[in-house]
């Protein structure tokens, strides 16, 4: 990218939805994958000029993260999740609890993206890791915690069986996230996706492959306090924010 491209006006590559927090109760997020670092930096600069709700930068690689931090040096950054947030402060928790479950350590980046999204949207959140179906005693040991949640996000690759197991143990809705973790016949998450779509246990909703952000957002909406649906700015939003998906 040339210097001229780096100096391109924001309107040439992004149209920020500043009204989304007021309109929906939750701010927009910035999906960094597919954007140049210069574009992400330009968006971050626009975000920094506005106060209010936290803005999430998702799927941020090293260069994207450096671009955001170059403009907003105090931004929160979790390199495992590929997520940044500004302002960097978690809001005071409201609503009910979200629990995020990762089947394996390899699923952790997507699980952390889900957990941090729910937390930055104002929910008390717990993360449980490495409790896949190869050792059922591991998830059974977490049943008490799972039953305290109003929504549970289950992140799994390989055979994708864990969401159905969890849904058979608890009364709360399960948001299932297939990941692209697995050997060849996993087809980069397609096998896990189909397993989750065919879950025998009722109450399982499925988001796209590796979509931790979408799962965390849905769980935050499920667990929102009753007044969030009618309150301007919504639960955990605090006002306007900017971003682009």
C-alpha atoms as a PDB file:
ATOM      1  CA  UNK A   1       0.000   0.000   0.000  1.00  0.00           C
ATOM      2  CA  UNK A   2       1.354   3.424  -0.936  1.00  0.00           C
ATOM      3  CA  UNK A   3       1.550   6.459   1.320  1.00  0.00           C
ATOM      4  CA  UNK A   4      -1.318   7.932  -0.669  1.00  0.00           C
ATOM      5  CA  UNK A   5      -3.434   4.862   0.042  1.00  0.00           C
ATOM      6  CA  UNK A   6      -2.598   5.075   3.747  1.00  0.00           C
ATOM      7  CA  UNK A   7      -3.815   8.673   3.784  1.00  0.00           C
ATOM      8  CA  UNK A   8      -7.086   7.822   2.009  1.00  0.00           C
ATOM      9  CA  UNK A   9     -10.167   9.337   3.653  1.00  0.00           C
ATOM     10  CA  UNK A  10     -12.205   7.033   5.882  1.00  0.00           C
ATOM     11  CA  UNK A  11     -15.218   7.389   3.601  1.00  0.00           C
ATOM     12  CA  UNK A  12     -13.318   5.681   0.785  1.00  0.00           C
ATOM     13  CA  UNK A  13     -13.307   2.314   2.607  1.00  0.00           C
ATOM     14  CA  UNK A  14     -15.685   2.430   5.610  1.00  0.00           C
ATOM     15  CA  UNK A  15     -19.082   3.832   6.554  1.00  0.00           C
ATOM     16  CA  UNK A  16     -19.290   3.634  10.342  1.00  0.00           C
ATOM     17  CA  UNK A  17     -22.643   2.875  11.948  1.00  0.00           C
ATOM     18  CA  UNK A  18     -22.491   5.326  14.846  1.00  0.00           C
ATOM     19  CA  UNK A  19     -26.194   4.868  15.602  1.00  0.00           C
ATOM     20  CA  UNK A  20     -26.166   1.112  16.135  1.00  0.00           C
ATOM     21  CA  UNK A  21     -25.758   1.200  19.919  1.00  0.00           C
ATOM     22  CA  UNK A  22     -28.807   3.451  20.282  1.00  0.00           C
ATOM     23  CA  UNK A  23     -30.793   1.522  17.678  1.00  0.00           C
ATOM     24  CA  UNK A  24     -29.985  -2.052  18.765  1.00  0.00           C
ATOM     25  CA  UNK A  25     -28.644  -1.680  22.278  1.00  0.00           C
ATOM     26  CA  UNK A  26     -25.206  -3.014  21.287  1.00  0.00           C
ATOM     27  CA  UNK A  27     -22.412  -1.286  19.370  1.00  0.00           C
ATOM     28  CA  UNK A  28     -20.979  -2.370  16.052  1.00  0.00           C
ATOM     29  CA  UNK A  29     -17.696  -4.277  15.885  1.00  0.00           C
ATOM     30  CA  UNK A  30     -14.747  -3.996  13.524  1.00  0.00           C
ATOM     31  CA  UNK A  31     -13.982  -7.213  11.628  1.00  0.00           C
ATOM     32  CA  UNK A  32     -10.290  -6.825  10.823  1.00  0.00           C
ATOM     33  CA  UNK A  33      -9.693  -9.831   8.566  1.00  0.00           C
ATOM     34  CA  UNK A  34      -9.600  -8.715   4.948  1.00  0.00           C
ATOM     35  CA  UNK A  35      -8.835  -5.123   5.896  1.00  0.00           C
ATOM     36  CA  UNK A  36      -5.385  -3.595   5.537  1.00  0.00           C
ATOM     37  CA  UNK A  37      -3.605  -2.385   8.676  1.00  0.00           C
ATOM     38  CA  UNK A  38      -3.912   1.154   7.317  1.00  0.00           C
ATOM     39  CA  UNK A  39      -7.680   0.793   7.010  1.00  0.00           C
ATOM     40  CA  UNK A  40      -7.949  -0.606  10.528  1.00  0.00           C
ATOM     41  CA  UNK A  41      -5.822   2.278  11.828  1.00  0.00           C
ATOM     42  CA  UNK A  42      -8.113   4.769  10.132  1.00  0.00           C
ATOM     43  CA  UNK A  43     -11.168   3.176  11.698  1.00  0.00           C
ATOM     44  CA  UNK A  44      -9.459   3.088  15.107  1.00  0.00           C
ATOM     45  CA  UNK A  45      -8.691   6.802  14.810  1.00  0.00           C
ATOM     46  CA  UNK A  46     -12.368   7.519  14.157  1.00  0.00           C
ATOM     47  CA  UNK A  47     -13.354   5.315  17.107  1.00  0.00           C
ATOM     48  CA  UNK A  48     -10.937   7.200  19.369  1.00  0.00           C
ATOM     49  CA  UNK A  49     -12.640  10.494  18.558  1.00  0.00           C
ATOM     50  CA  UNK A  50     -15.933   9.283  20.001  1.00  0.00           C
ATOM     51  CA  UNK A  51     -16.798   8.440  23.591  1.00  0.00           C
ATOM     52  CA  UNK A  52     -19.287   5.899  24.839  1.00  0.00           C
ATOM     53  CA  UNK A  53     -19.659   2.173  24.312  1.00  0.00           C
ATOM     54  CA  UNK A  54     -16.735  -0.155  23.898  1.00  0.00           C
ATOM     55  CA  UNK A  55     -15.767  -0.992  20.324  1.00  0.00           C
ATOM     56  CA  UNK A  56     -14.430  -4.476  19.594  1.00  0.00           C
ATOM     57  CA  UNK A  57     -11.866  -5.218  16.905  1.00  0.00           C
ATOM     58  CA  UNK A  58     -12.211  -8.903  16.013  1.00  0.00           C
ATOM     59  CA  UNK A  59     -10.060 -11.289  13.961  1.00  0.00           C
ATOM     60  CA  UNK A  60      -7.103  -8.981  14.371  1.00  0.00           C
ATOM     61  CA  UNK A  61      -3.751 -10.367  13.266  1.00  0.00           C
ATOM     62  CA  UNK A  62      -0.416  -9.016  14.492  1.00  0.00           C
ATOM     63  CA  UNK A  63      -0.345  -6.200  11.940  1.00  0.00           C
ATOM     64  CA  UNK A  64      -3.957  -5.240  12.653  1.00  0.00           C
ATOM     65  CA  UNK A  65      -3.257  -5.198  16.390  1.00  0.00           C
ATOM     66  CA  UNK A  66      -0.170  -3.040  15.895  1.00  0.00           C
ATOM     67  CA  UNK A  67      -2.232  -0.630  13.792  1.00  0.00           C
ATOM     68  CA  UNK A  68      -4.918  -0.282  16.475  1.00  0.00           C
ATOM     69  CA  UNK A  69      -2.396   0.066  19.292  1.00  0.00           C
ATOM     70  CA  UNK A  70      -0.486   2.654  17.294  1.00  0.00           C
ATOM     71  CA  UNK A  71      -3.588   4.856  17.370  1.00  0.00           C
ATOM     72  CA  UNK A  72      -5.149   3.700  20.651  1.00  0.00           C
ATOM     73  CA  UNK A  73      -2.150   2.630  22.764  1.00  0.00           C
ATOM     74  CA  UNK A  74      -4.245   1.857  25.842  1.00  0.00           C
ATOM     75  CA  UNK A  75      -6.605  -0.501  23.995  1.00  0.00           C
ATOM     76  CA  UNK A  76      -7.234  -3.927  25.491  1.00  0.00           C
ATOM     77  CA  UNK A  77      -5.566  -6.669  23.445  1.00  0.00           C
ATOM     78  CA  UNK A  78      -5.904 -10.439  23.686  1.00  0.00           C
ATOM     79  CA  UNK A  79      -3.592 -11.937  21.043  1.00  0.00           C
ATOM     80  CA  UNK A  80      -4.955 -15.468  21.563  1.00  0.00           C
ATOM     81  CA  UNK A  81      -8.488 -14.370  20.695  1.00  0.00           C
ATOM     82  CA  UNK A  82      -7.273 -11.877  18.086  1.00  0.00           C
ATOM     83  CA  UNK A  83      -9.467  -9.279  19.801  1.00  0.00           C
ATOM     84  CA  UNK A  84      -8.947  -5.672  20.860  1.00  0.00           C
ATOM     85  CA  UNK A  85     -11.327  -3.353  22.678  1.00  0.00           C
ATOM     86  CA  UNK A  86     -11.471   0.375  23.251  1.00  0.00           C
ATOM     87  CA  UNK A  87     -12.098   1.843  25.733  1.00  0.00           C
ATOM     88  CA  UNK A  88     -10.289  -1.019  27.487  1.00  0.00           C
ATOM     89  CA  UNK A  89     -12.546  -1.251  30.533  1.00  0.00           C
ATOM     90  CA  UNK A  90     -15.019  -4.088  31.077  1.00  0.00           C
ATOM     91  CA  UNK A  91     -18.466  -2.693  31.915  1.00  0.00           C
ATOM     92  CA  UNK A  92     -20.070  -3.475  35.244  1.00  0.00           C
ATOM     93  CA  UNK A  93     -21.819  -6.843  34.767  1.00  0.00           C
ATOM     94  CA  UNK A  94     -25.578  -6.822  34.330  1.00  0.00           C
ATOM     95  CA  UNK A  95     -28.074  -9.514  33.413  1.00  0.00           C
ATOM     96  CA  UNK A  96     -27.331 -13.179  33.980  1.00  0.00           C
ATOM     97  CA  UNK A  97     -24.241 -15.366  33.728  1.00  0.00           C
ATOM     98  CA  UNK A  98     -22.692 -16.726  30.534  1.00  0.00           C
ATOM     99  CA  UNK A  99     -20.439 -19.797  30.596  1.00  0.00           C
ATOM    100  CA  UNK A 100     -18.196 -20.525  27.614  1.00  0.00           C
ATOM    101  CA  UNK A 101     -16.909 -24.080  27.200  1.00  0.00           C
ATOM    102  CA  UNK A 102     -13.974 -25.075  24.968  1.00  0.00           C
ATOM    103  CA  UNK A 103     -13.782 -28.740  24.016  1.00  0.00           C
ATOM    104  CA  UNK A 104     -10.016 -28.657  23.500  1.00  0.00           C
ATOM    105  CA  UNK A 105      -7.055 -26.346  23.906  1.00  0.00           C
ATOM    106  CA  UNK A 106      -6.979 -25.933  20.123  1.00  0.00           C
ATOM    107  CA  UNK A 107     -10.474 -24.410  20.332  1.00  0.00           C
ATOM    108  CA  UNK A 108      -9.298 -21.784  22.815  1.00  0.00           C
ATOM    109  CA  UNK A 109      -8.879 -18.831  20.397  1.00  0.00           C
ATOM    110  CA  UNK A 110     -12.536 -19.049  19.337  1.00  0.00           C
ATOM    111  CA  UNK A 111     -13.692 -19.692  22.905  1.00  0.00           C
ATOM    112  CA  UNK A 112     -11.781 -16.677  24.219  1.00  0.00           C
ATOM    113  CA  UNK A 113     -13.285 -14.524  21.478  1.00  0.00           C
ATOM    114  CA  UNK A 114     -16.756 -15.619  22.606  1.00  0.00           C
ATOM    115  CA  UNK A 115     -16.034 -15.111  26.304  1.00  0.00           C
ATOM    116  CA  UNK A 116     -14.470 -11.673  25.865  1.00  0.00           C
ATOM    117  CA  UNK A 117     -17.295 -10.548  23.601  1.00  0.00           C
ATOM    118  CA  UNK A 118     -19.898 -11.482  26.201  1.00  0.00           C
ATOM    119  CA  UNK A 119     -17.847  -9.840  28.945  1.00  0.00           C
ATOM    120  CA  UNK A 120     -17.355  -6.582  27.049  1.00  0.00           C
ATOM    121  CA  UNK A 121     -21.094  -6.562  26.326  1.00  0.00           C
ATOM    122  CA  UNK A 122     -21.724  -6.526  30.043  1.00  0.00           C
ATOM    123  CA  UNK A 123     -22.131 -10.115  31.186  1.00  0.00           C
ATOM    124  CA  UNK A 124     -20.443 -12.005  34.002  1.00  0.00           C
ATOM    125  CA  UNK A 125     -18.611 -14.747  32.125  1.00  0.00           C
ATOM    126  CA  UNK A 126     -16.766 -17.949  32.991  1.00  0.00           C
ATOM    127  CA  UNK A 127     -14.475 -19.863  30.636  1.00  0.00           C
ATOM    128  CA  UNK A 128     -14.095 -23.637  30.987  1.00  0.00           C
ATOM    129  CA  UNK A 129     -11.368 -25.264  28.888  1.00  0.00           C
ATOM    130  CA  UNK A 130     -10.364 -28.704  27.626  1.00  0.00           C
ATOM    131  CA  UNK A 131     -13.472 -30.684  28.586  1.00  0.00           C
ATOM    132  CA  UNK A 132     -14.152 -32.541  25.332  1.00  0.00           C
ATOM    133  CA  UNK A 133     -16.073 -35.792  24.936  1.00  0.00           C
ATOM    134  CA  UNK A 134     -12.927 -37.944  24.890  1.00  0.00           C
ATOM    135  CA  UNK A 135     -13.066 -37.701  28.705  1.00  0.00           C
ATOM    136  CA  UNK A 136     -16.687 -37.213  29.759  1.00  0.00           C
ATOM    137  CA  UNK A 137     -15.761 -36.946  33.428  1.00  0.00           C
ATOM    138  CA  UNK A 138     -14.245 -33.531  32.650  1.00  0.00           C
ATOM    139  CA  UNK A 139     -17.516 -31.928  31.524  1.00  0.00           C
ATOM    140  CA  UNK A 140     -19.510 -33.759  34.213  1.00  0.00           C
ATOM    141  CA  UNK A 141     -17.274 -32.134  36.817  1.00  0.00           C
ATOM    142  CA  UNK A 142     -18.473 -28.726  35.556  1.00  0.00           C
ATOM    143  CA  UNK A 143     -22.218 -29.411  35.648  1.00  0.00           C
ATOM    144  CA  UNK A 144     -22.819 -27.308  38.780  1.00  0.00           C
ATOM    145  CA  UNK A 145     -21.224 -24.261  37.118  1.00  0.00           C
ATOM    146  CA  UNK A 146     -23.054 -24.900  33.830  1.00  0.00           C
ATOM    147  CA  UNK A 147     -26.397 -25.006  35.635  1.00  0.00           C
ATOM    148  CA  UNK A 148     -25.775 -21.569  37.144  1.00  0.00           C
ATOM    149  CA  UNK A 149     -25.597 -20.046  33.658  1.00  0.00           C
ATOM    150  CA  UNK A 150     -28.500 -18.545  31.730  1.00  0.00           C
ATOM    151  CA  UNK A 151     -26.733 -19.318  28.447  1.00  0.00           C
ATOM    152  CA  UNK A 152     -23.828 -21.632  27.641  1.00  0.00           C
ATOM    153  CA  UNK A 153     -21.575 -21.272  24.605  1.00  0.00           C
ATOM    154  CA  UNK A 154     -19.930 -24.559  23.584  1.00  0.00           C
ATOM    155  CA  UNK A 155     -16.971 -24.395  21.211  1.00  0.00           C
ATOM    156  CA  UNK A 156     -15.789 -27.623  19.574  1.00  0.00           C
ATOM    157  CA  UNK A 157     -14.019 -28.916  16.502  1.00  0.00           C
ATOM    158  CA  UNK A 158     -13.231 -32.517  15.509  1.00  0.00           C
ATOM    159  CA  UNK A 159     -16.547 -34.435  15.796  1.00  0.00           C
ATOM    160  CA  UNK A 160     -18.395 -31.444  17.304  1.00  0.00           C
ATOM    161  CA  UNK A 161     -20.318 -33.630  19.756  1.00  0.00           C
ATOM    162  CA  UNK A 162     -19.902 -31.594  22.948  1.00  0.00           C
ATOM    163  CA  UNK A 163     -22.806 -29.092  22.503  1.00  0.00           C
ATOM    164  CA  UNK A 164     -25.349 -31.936  22.364  1.00  0.00           C
ATOM    165  CA  UNK A 165     -23.860 -33.497  25.484  1.00  0.00           C
ATOM    166  CA  UNK A 166     -24.007 -30.196  27.377  1.00  0.00           C
ATOM    167  CA  UNK A 167     -27.567 -29.479  26.220  1.00  0.00           C
ATOM    168  CA  UNK A 168     -28.636 -32.836  27.639  1.00  0.00           C
ATOM    169  CA  UNK A 169     -27.331 -31.859  31.086  1.00  0.00           C
ATOM    170  CA  UNK A 170     -28.726 -28.341  31.588  1.00  0.00           C
ATOM    171  CA  UNK A 171     -31.904 -26.315  31.106  1.00  0.00           C
ATOM    172  CA  UNK A 172     -30.261 -23.199  29.639  1.00  0.00           C
ATOM    173  CA  UNK A 173     -29.986 -22.667  25.867  1.00  0.00           C
ATOM    174  CA  UNK A 174     -26.712 -23.733  24.263  1.00  0.00           C
ATOM    175  CA  UNK A 175     -25.002 -21.681  21.578  1.00  0.00           C
ATOM    176  CA  UNK A 176     -22.842 -24.108  19.598  1.00  0.00           C
ATOM    177  CA  UNK A 177     -19.725 -22.960  17.758  1.00  0.00           C
ATOM    178  CA  UNK A 178     -18.031 -25.369  15.338  1.00  0.00           C
ATOM    179  CA  UNK A 179     -14.345 -24.719  14.838  1.00  0.00           C
ATOM    180  CA  UNK A 180     -12.035 -25.550  11.957  1.00  0.00           C
ATOM    181  CA  UNK A 181      -9.940 -27.753  14.277  1.00  0.00           C
ATOM    182  CA  UNK A 182      -9.535 -31.339  13.080  1.00  0.00           C
ATOM    183  CA  UNK A 183      -7.943 -33.715  10.605  1.00  0.00           C
ATOM    184  CA  UNK A 184      -8.842 -33.995   6.928  1.00  0.00           C
ATOM    185  CA  UNK A 185     -12.326 -35.462   7.234  1.00  0.00           C
ATOM    186  CA  UNK A 186     -13.272 -32.602   9.559  1.00  0.00           C
ATOM    187  CA  UNK A 187     -13.387 -30.517   6.361  1.00  0.00           C
ATOM    188  CA  UNK A 188     -12.217 -27.365   8.193  1.00  0.00           C
ATOM    189  CA  UNK A 189     -15.176 -27.402  10.559  1.00  0.00           C
ATOM    190  CA  UNK A 190     -17.921 -28.611   8.241  1.00  0.00           C
ATOM    191  CA  UNK A 191     -18.178 -31.974  10.003  1.00  0.00           C
ATOM    192  CA  UNK A 192     -18.570 -30.291  13.403  1.00  0.00           C
ATOM    193  CA  UNK A 193     -21.104 -27.853  11.943  1.00  0.00           C
ATOM    194  CA  UNK A 194     -23.276 -30.688  10.591  1.00  0.00           C
ATOM    195  CA  UNK A 195     -23.072 -32.581  13.886  1.00  0.00           C
ATOM    196  CA  UNK A 196     -24.244 -29.516  15.792  1.00  0.00           C
ATOM    197  CA  UNK A 197     -27.072 -28.823  13.343  1.00  0.00           C
ATOM    198  CA  UNK A 198     -28.213 -32.419  13.872  1.00  0.00           C
ATOM    199  CA  UNK A 199     -27.965 -32.328  17.673  1.00  0.00           C
ATOM    200  CA  UNK A 200     -30.514 -34.639  19.277  1.00  0.00           C
ATOM    201  CA  UNK A 201     -30.847 -32.556  22.446  1.00  0.00           C
ATOM    202  CA  UNK A 202     -33.241 -29.600  22.028  1.00  0.00           C
ATOM    203  CA  UNK A 203     -32.225 -26.037  22.767  1.00  0.00           C
ATOM    204  CA  UNK A 204     -29.055 -25.911  20.648  1.00  0.00           C
ATOM    205  CA  UNK A 205     -28.530 -22.925  18.336  1.00  0.00           C
ATOM    206  CA  UNK A 206     -25.575 -23.025  15.939  1.00  0.00           C
ATOM    207  CA  UNK A 207     -23.458 -20.156  14.624  1.00  0.00           C
ATOM    208  CA  UNK A 208     -20.967 -20.239  11.774  1.00  0.00           C
ATOM    209  CA  UNK A 209     -17.600 -21.998  11.851  1.00  0.00           C
ATOM    210  CA  UNK A 210     -15.095 -20.204  14.148  1.00  0.00           C
ATOM    211  CA  UNK A 211     -17.620 -17.421  14.874  1.00  0.00           C
ATOM    212  CA  UNK A 212     -16.802 -16.796  18.527  1.00  0.00           C
ATOM    213  CA  UNK A 213     -17.886 -13.172  18.258  1.00  0.00           C
ATOM    214  CA  UNK A 214     -21.361 -14.115  17.022  1.00  0.00           C
ATOM    215  CA  UNK A 215     -21.780 -16.726  19.736  1.00  0.00           C
ATOM    216  CA  UNK A 216     -20.662 -14.391  22.515  1.00  0.00           C
ATOM    217  CA  UNK A 217     -22.956 -11.658  21.217  1.00  0.00           C
ATOM    218  CA  UNK A 218     -25.967 -13.992  21.047  1.00  0.00           C
ATOM    219  CA  UNK A 219     -25.286 -15.265  24.564  1.00  0.00           C
ATOM    220  CA  UNK A 220     -25.061 -11.666  25.821  1.00  0.00           C
ATOM    221  CA  UNK A 221     -28.446 -10.907  24.262  1.00  0.00           C
ATOM    222  CA  UNK A 222     -30.034 -14.037  25.749  1.00  0.00           C
ATOM    223  CA  UNK A 223     -28.771 -13.101  29.213  1.00  0.00           C
ATOM    224  CA  UNK A 224     -29.540  -9.376  29.032  1.00  0.00           C
ATOM    225  CA  UNK A 225     -31.570  -7.803  31.854  1.00  0.00           C
ATOM    226  CA  UNK A 226     -35.270  -7.363  30.962  1.00  0.00           C
ATOM    227  CA  UNK A 227     -35.002  -3.592  30.673  1.00  0.00           C
ATOM    228  CA  UNK A 228     -32.264  -3.847  28.026  1.00  0.00           C
ATOM    229  CA  UNK A 229     -34.809  -4.315  25.259  1.00  0.00           C
ATOM    230  CA  UNK A 230     -36.342  -0.897  25.878  1.00  0.00           C
ATOM    231  CA  UNK A 231     -33.470   1.127  27.349  1.00  0.00           C
ATOM    232  CA  UNK A 232     -31.658   3.435  24.943  1.00  0.00           C
ATOM    233  CA  UNK A 233     -28.081   2.266  24.606  1.00  0.00           C
ATOM    234  CA  UNK A 234     -28.865  -1.252  25.834  1.00  0.00           C
ATOM    235  CA  UNK A 235     -27.154  -3.496  28.342  1.00  0.00           C
ATOM    236  CA  UNK A 236     -23.482  -2.849  28.639  1.00  0.00           C
ATOM    237  CA  UNK A 237     -23.388  -0.403  25.718  1.00  0.00           C
ATOM    238  CA  UNK A 238     -23.275   2.946  27.472  1.00  0.00           C
ATOM    239  CA  UNK A 239     -24.081   4.953  24.360  1.00  0.00           C
ATOM    240  CA  UNK A 240     -22.654   5.321  20.867  1.00  0.00           C
ATOM    241  CA  UNK A 241     -19.792   3.431  19.321  1.00  0.00           C
ATOM    242  CA  UNK A 242     -18.353   2.981  15.878  1.00  0.00           C
ATOM    243  CA  UNK A 243     -17.220   0.098  13.771  1.00  0.00           C
ATOM    244  CA  UNK A 244     -17.649  -1.845  10.599  1.00  0.00           C
ATOM    245  CA  UNK A 245     -18.399  -5.481   9.838  1.00  0.00           C
END
